Amino acid sequence: MTTPSVPFMLSRCTGCGHHFSLAIAACSQCGGQSFEVVPASGRGVVRARSEVWRAPDAFWRQYVPYALVLVRLDEGPVLMGHAAREVAIGDAVHASNAMLGDHRVIRFEPVASDSFVRGAIA
Protein backbone atom coordinates (compact mmCIF):
# COMPACT_ATOMS: atom_id res chain seq x y z
CA MET A 1 0.00 0.00 0.00
CA THR A 2 1.34 3.46 -0.89
CA THR A 3 0.34 6.94 0.22
CA PRO A 4 1.00 10.10 -1.79
CA SER A 5 2.55 12.07 1.07
CA VAL A 6 6.19 13.08 0.84
CA PRO A 7 7.98 10.48 2.97
CA PHE A 8 10.96 12.53 4.08
CA MET A 9 12.38 15.92 4.95
CA LEU A 10 15.64 17.52 3.83
CA SER A 11 18.00 20.00 5.48
CA ARG A 12 18.50 23.20 3.48
CA CYS A 13 21.37 25.64 4.03
CA THR A 14 19.88 29.06 4.78
CA GLY A 15 22.98 30.69 3.29
CA CYS A 16 22.99 29.19 -0.21
CA GLY A 17 19.92 26.92 -0.43
CA HIS A 18 21.88 23.67 -0.94
CA HIS A 19 19.94 20.57 0.21
CA PHE A 20 21.18 17.62 2.29
CA SER A 21 19.51 14.31 3.16
CA LEU A 22 21.61 13.80 6.29
CA ALA A 23 22.25 16.10 9.24
CA ILE A 24 25.53 17.95 8.81
CA ALA A 25 27.57 20.51 10.75
CA ALA A 26 28.49 22.79 7.84
CA CYS A 27 27.36 23.31 4.26
CA SER A 28 29.73 21.70 1.75
CA GLN A 29 28.92 24.46 -0.77
CA CYS A 30 29.28 27.68 1.25
CA GLY A 31 30.49 26.65 4.71
CA GLY A 32 27.32 27.98 6.32
CA GLN A 33 26.20 26.50 9.63
CA SER A 34 22.54 27.49 9.63
CA PHE A 35 19.98 25.01 8.31
CA GLU A 36 16.23 24.65 8.07
CA VAL A 37 14.20 21.47 7.65
CA VAL A 38 12.01 21.46 4.53
CA PRO A 39 9.81 18.82 2.87
CA ALA A 40 11.35 17.09 -0.13
CA SER A 41 9.52 17.36 -3.45
CA GLY A 42 9.93 13.59 -3.85
CA ARG A 43 10.73 14.05 -7.57
CA GLY A 44 13.95 12.83 -9.10
CA VAL A 45 15.75 10.72 -11.69
CA VAL A 46 16.94 7.13 -11.27
CA ARG A 47 20.76 7.07 -11.29
CA ALA A 48 21.28 3.36 -10.53
CA ARG A 49 19.18 0.25 -9.94
CA SER A 50 19.71 -3.23 -8.63
CA GLU A 51 17.41 -6.22 -8.65
CA VAL A 52 17.53 -8.24 -5.44
CA TRP A 53 17.11 -11.99 -5.84
CA ARG A 54 18.68 -13.12 -2.54
CA ALA A 55 16.96 -11.51 0.41
CA PRO A 56 18.94 -10.67 3.55
CA ASP A 57 16.42 -12.44 5.81
CA ALA A 58 13.07 -14.26 5.92
CA PHE A 59 10.97 -11.08 5.95
CA TRP A 60 12.42 -9.76 2.66
CA ARG A 61 12.40 -13.21 1.03
CA GLN A 62 8.63 -12.94 0.43
CA TYR A 63 9.21 -9.88 -1.83
CA VAL A 64 12.00 -11.36 -3.98
CA PRO A 65 12.70 -10.29 -6.66
CA TYR A 66 12.50 -6.57 -5.90
CA ALA A 67 14.24 -3.51 -7.26
CA LEU A 68 16.28 -0.99 -5.27
CA VAL A 69 17.16 2.33 -6.88
CA LEU A 70 19.37 5.33 -6.22
CA VAL A 71 17.50 8.50 -7.12
CA ARG A 72 18.97 11.98 -7.48
CA LEU A 73 16.23 14.21 -6.13
CA ASP A 74 15.39 17.48 -7.89
CA GLU A 75 16.85 19.20 -4.81
CA GLY A 76 20.21 17.43 -5.28
CA PRO A 77 20.66 14.67 -2.66
CA VAL A 78 20.68 11.00 -3.68
CA LEU A 79 18.40 8.55 -1.84
CA MET A 80 17.90 4.81 -1.99
CA GLY A 81 14.43 3.30 -2.17
CA HIS A 82 12.28 0.56 -3.61
CA ALA A 83 10.81 0.74 -7.12
CA ALA A 84 8.81 -1.30 -9.59
CA ARG A 85 11.00 -3.79 -11.44
CA GLU A 86 10.24 -1.96 -14.71
CA VAL A 87 11.87 1.29 -13.53
CA ALA A 88 15.09 1.96 -15.45
CA ILE A 89 18.12 4.22 -15.11
CA GLY A 90 17.18 7.66 -16.42
CA ASP A 91 13.48 7.37 -15.55
CA ALA A 92 11.73 10.26 -13.82
CA VAL A 93 10.18 9.08 -10.55
CA HIS A 94 8.26 10.38 -7.55
CA ALA A 95 8.56 9.12 -3.97
CA SER A 96 5.74 7.83 -1.81
CA ASN A 97 5.45 6.01 1.49
CA ALA A 98 4.91 2.27 1.24
CA MET A 99 4.29 -0.32 3.92
CA LEU A 100 5.79 -3.77 3.46
CA GLY A 101 4.43 -5.69 6.42
CA ASP A 102 5.31 -3.45 9.37
CA HIS A 103 8.27 -1.84 7.55
CA ARG A 104 7.83 1.69 6.17
CA VAL A 105 9.91 2.19 3.03
CA ILE A 106 10.36 4.88 0.40
CA ARG A 107 8.97 3.67 -2.93
CA PHE A 108 9.73 5.48 -6.18
CA GLU A 109 7.02 5.33 -8.84
CA PRO A 110 7.46 6.30 -12.52
CA VAL A 111 6.30 9.76 -13.57
CA ALA A 112 4.48 10.08 -16.88
CA SER A 113 5.57 13.36 -18.42
CA ASP A 114 5.75 14.54 -22.02
CA SER A 115 8.42 17.05 -21.04
CA PHE A 116 10.80 14.46 -19.54
CA VAL A 117 13.58 13.21 -21.79
CA ARG A 118 14.84 9.75 -20.76
CA GLY A 119 18.52 9.78 -19.95
CA ALA A 120 18.77 13.55 -19.57
CA ILE A 121 20.58 13.40 -16.23
CA ALA A 122 22.26 16.49 -14.88
C-alpha atoms as a PDB file:
ATOM      1  CA  MET A   1       0.000   0.000   0.000  1.00  0.00           C
ATOM      2  CA  THR A   2       1.342   3.463  -0.891  1.00  0.00           C
ATOM      3  CA  THR A   3       0.339   6.937   0.220  1.00  0.00           C
ATOM      4  CA  PRO A   4       0.998  10.097  -1.787  1.00  0.00           C
ATOM      5  CA  SER A   5       2.552  12.072   1.070  1.00  0.00           C
ATOM      6  CA  VAL A   6       6.191  13.079   0.838  1.00  0.00           C
ATOM      7  CA  PRO A   7       7.978  10.481   2.967  1.00  0.00           C
ATOM      8  CA  PHE A   8      10.958  12.526   4.082  1.00  0.00           C
ATOM      9  CA  MET A   9      12.377  15.917   4.949  1.00  0.00           C
ATOM     10  CA  LEU A  10      15.644  17.523   3.831  1.00  0.00           C
ATOM     11  CA  SER A  11      18.000  20.003   5.476  1.00  0.00           C
ATOM     12  CA  ARG A  12      18.504  23.205   3.475  1.00  0.00           C
ATOM     13  CA  CYS A  13      21.365  25.639   4.029  1.00  0.00           C
ATOM     14  CA  THR A  14      19.879  29.058   4.781  1.00  0.00           C
ATOM     15  CA  GLY A  15      22.980  30.693   3.291  1.00  0.00           C
ATOM     16  CA  CYS A  16      22.990  29.186  -0.207  1.00  0.00           C
ATOM     17  CA  GLY A  17      19.919  26.919  -0.433  1.00  0.00           C
ATOM     18  CA  HIS A  18      21.883  23.672  -0.939  1.00  0.00           C
ATOM     19  CA  HIS A  19      19.943  20.567   0.214  1.00  0.00           C
ATOM     20  CA  PHE A  20      21.178  17.619   2.287  1.00  0.00           C
ATOM     21  CA  SER A  21      19.506  14.311   3.159  1.00  0.00           C
ATOM     22  CA  LEU A  22      21.611  13.796   6.293  1.00  0.00           C
ATOM     23  CA  ALA A  23      22.246  16.098   9.244  1.00  0.00           C
ATOM     24  CA  ILE A  24      25.534  17.945   8.806  1.00  0.00           C
ATOM     25  CA  ALA A  25      27.571  20.508  10.755  1.00  0.00           C
ATOM     26  CA  ALA A  26      28.491  22.790   7.844  1.00  0.00           C
ATOM     27  CA  CYS A  27      27.361  23.307   4.255  1.00  0.00           C
ATOM     28  CA  SER A  28      29.729  21.705   1.748  1.00  0.00           C
ATOM     29  CA  GLN A  29      28.919  24.461  -0.766  1.00  0.00           C
ATOM     30  CA  CYS A  30      29.276  27.679   1.247  1.00  0.00           C
ATOM     31  CA  GLY A  31      30.493  26.647   4.711  1.00  0.00           C
ATOM     32  CA  GLY A  32      27.319  27.982   6.323  1.00  0.00           C
ATOM     33  CA  GLN A  33      26.198  26.501   9.628  1.00  0.00           C
ATOM     34  CA  SER A  34      22.541  27.486   9.631  1.00  0.00           C
ATOM     35  CA  PHE A  35      19.984  25.007   8.307  1.00  0.00           C
ATOM     36  CA  GLU A  36      16.226  24.645   8.071  1.00  0.00           C
ATOM     37  CA  VAL A  37      14.200  21.469   7.645  1.00  0.00           C
ATOM     38  CA  VAL A  38      12.006  21.461   4.530  1.00  0.00           C
ATOM     39  CA  PRO A  39       9.813  18.817   2.869  1.00  0.00           C
ATOM     40  CA  ALA A  40      11.351  17.087  -0.133  1.00  0.00           C
ATOM     41  CA  SER A  41       9.516  17.356  -3.446  1.00  0.00           C
ATOM     42  CA  GLY A  42       9.934  13.593  -3.850  1.00  0.00           C
ATOM     43  CA  ARG A  43      10.726  14.052  -7.568  1.00  0.00           C
ATOM     44  CA  GLY A  44      13.951  12.829  -9.097  1.00  0.00           C
ATOM     45  CA  VAL A  45      15.751  10.716 -11.691  1.00  0.00           C
ATOM     46  CA  VAL A  46      16.944   7.131 -11.272  1.00  0.00           C
ATOM     47  CA  ARG A  47      20.763   7.073 -11.291  1.00  0.00           C
ATOM     48  CA  ALA A  48      21.285   3.363 -10.525  1.00  0.00           C
ATOM     49  CA  ARG A  49      19.182   0.254  -9.945  1.00  0.00           C
ATOM     50  CA  SER A  50      19.713  -3.234  -8.628  1.00  0.00           C
ATOM     51  CA  GLU A  51      17.409  -6.218  -8.649  1.00  0.00           C
ATOM     52  CA  VAL A  52      17.530  -8.236  -5.437  1.00  0.00           C
ATOM     53  CA  TRP A  53      17.105 -11.992  -5.843  1.00  0.00           C
ATOM     54  CA  ARG A  54      18.676 -13.117  -2.544  1.00  0.00           C
ATOM     55  CA  ALA A  55      16.958 -11.512   0.414  1.00  0.00           C
ATOM     56  CA  PRO A  56      18.941 -10.666   3.547  1.00  0.00           C
ATOM     57  CA  ASP A  57      16.417 -12.440   5.813  1.00  0.00           C
ATOM     58  CA  ALA A  58      13.074 -14.264   5.919  1.00  0.00           C
ATOM     59  CA  PHE A  59      10.975 -11.079   5.952  1.00  0.00           C
ATOM     60  CA  TRP A  60      12.415  -9.763   2.663  1.00  0.00           C
ATOM     61  CA  ARG A  61      12.398 -13.212   1.030  1.00  0.00           C
ATOM     62  CA  GLN A  62       8.631 -12.938   0.428  1.00  0.00           C
ATOM     63  CA  TYR A  63       9.213  -9.879  -1.830  1.00  0.00           C
ATOM     64  CA  VAL A  64      12.003 -11.358  -3.983  1.00  0.00           C
ATOM     65  CA  PRO A  65      12.702 -10.294  -6.662  1.00  0.00           C
ATOM     66  CA  TYR A  66      12.495  -6.573  -5.904  1.00  0.00           C
ATOM     67  CA  ALA A  67      14.241  -3.507  -7.259  1.00  0.00           C
ATOM     68  CA  LEU A  68      16.278  -0.993  -5.269  1.00  0.00           C
ATOM     69  CA  VAL A  69      17.159   2.328  -6.879  1.00  0.00           C
ATOM     70  CA  LEU A  70      19.368   5.328  -6.223  1.00  0.00           C
ATOM     71  CA  VAL A  71      17.500   8.497  -7.121  1.00  0.00           C
ATOM     72  CA  ARG A  72      18.972  11.978  -7.480  1.00  0.00           C
ATOM     73  CA  LEU A  73      16.229  14.213  -6.128  1.00  0.00           C
ATOM     74  CA  ASP A  74      15.394  17.476  -7.895  1.00  0.00           C
ATOM     75  CA  GLU A  75      16.850  19.199  -4.812  1.00  0.00           C
ATOM     76  CA  GLY A  76      20.208  17.432  -5.280  1.00  0.00           C
ATOM     77  CA  PRO A  77      20.655  14.671  -2.658  1.00  0.00           C
ATOM     78  CA  VAL A  78      20.677  11.000  -3.685  1.00  0.00           C
ATOM     79  CA  LEU A  79      18.397   8.553  -1.843  1.00  0.00           C
ATOM     80  CA  MET A  80      17.899   4.807  -1.992  1.00  0.00           C
ATOM     81  CA  GLY A  81      14.434   3.301  -2.173  1.00  0.00           C
ATOM     82  CA  HIS A  82      12.284   0.556  -3.606  1.00  0.00           C
ATOM     83  CA  ALA A  83      10.813   0.735  -7.123  1.00  0.00           C
ATOM     84  CA  ALA A  84       8.808  -1.300  -9.591  1.00  0.00           C
ATOM     85  CA  ARG A  85      11.002  -3.789 -11.437  1.00  0.00           C
ATOM     86  CA  GLU A  86      10.239  -1.963 -14.707  1.00  0.00           C
ATOM     87  CA  VAL A  87      11.871   1.294 -13.532  1.00  0.00           C
ATOM     88  CA  ALA A  88      15.093   1.957 -15.453  1.00  0.00           C
ATOM     89  CA  ILE A  89      18.116   4.219 -15.107  1.00  0.00           C
ATOM     90  CA  GLY A  90      17.184   7.657 -16.424  1.00  0.00           C
ATOM     91  CA  ASP A  91      13.480   7.372 -15.553  1.00  0.00           C
ATOM     92  CA  ALA A  92      11.728  10.265 -13.824  1.00  0.00           C
ATOM     93  CA  VAL A  93      10.178   9.077 -10.553  1.00  0.00           C
ATOM     94  CA  HIS A  94       8.256  10.379  -7.548  1.00  0.00           C
ATOM     95  CA  ALA A  95       8.563   9.119  -3.966  1.00  0.00           C
ATOM     96  CA  SER A  96       5.740   7.834  -1.811  1.00  0.00           C
ATOM     97  CA  ASN A  97       5.446   6.012   1.492  1.00  0.00           C
ATOM     98  CA  ALA A  98       4.913   2.275   1.243  1.00  0.00           C
ATOM     99  CA  MET A  99       4.286  -0.324   3.918  1.00  0.00           C
ATOM    100  CA  LEU A 100       5.790  -3.772   3.463  1.00  0.00           C
ATOM    101  CA  GLY A 101       4.431  -5.688   6.420  1.00  0.00           C
ATOM    102  CA  ASP A 102       5.309  -3.454   9.369  1.00  0.00           C
ATOM    103  CA  HIS A 103       8.270  -1.843   7.545  1.00  0.00           C
ATOM    104  CA  ARG A 104       7.834   1.687   6.172  1.00  0.00           C
ATOM    105  CA  VAL A 105       9.911   2.194   3.030  1.00  0.00           C
ATOM    106  CA  ILE A 106      10.361   4.875   0.398  1.00  0.00           C
ATOM    107  CA  ARG A 107       8.973   3.674  -2.933  1.00  0.00           C
ATOM    108  CA  PHE A 108       9.731   5.477  -6.176  1.00  0.00           C
ATOM    109  CA  GLU A 109       7.017   5.331  -8.842  1.00  0.00           C
ATOM    110  CA  PRO A 110       7.463   6.301 -12.521  1.00  0.00           C
ATOM    111  CA  VAL A 111       6.298   9.765 -13.566  1.00  0.00           C
ATOM    112  CA  ALA A 112       4.476  10.079 -16.877  1.00  0.00           C
ATOM    113  CA  SER A 113       5.568  13.357 -18.425  1.00  0.00           C
ATOM    114  CA  ASP A 114       5.745  14.538 -22.025  1.00  0.00           C
ATOM    115  CA  SER A 115       8.424  17.053 -21.035  1.00  0.00           C
ATOM    116  CA  PHE A 116      10.798  14.462 -19.545  1.00  0.00           C
ATOM    117  CA  VAL A 117      13.580  13.207 -21.791  1.00  0.00           C
ATOM    118  CA  ARG A 118      14.838   9.748 -20.758  1.00  0.00           C
ATOM    119  CA  GLY A 119      18.524   9.776 -19.953  1.00  0.00           C
ATOM    120  CA  ALA A 120      18.768  13.549 -19.566  1.00  0.00           C
ATOM    121  CA  ILE A 121      20.576  13.398 -16.230  1.00  0.00           C
ATOM    122  CA  ALA A 122      22.258  16.492 -14.878  1.00  0.00           C
END
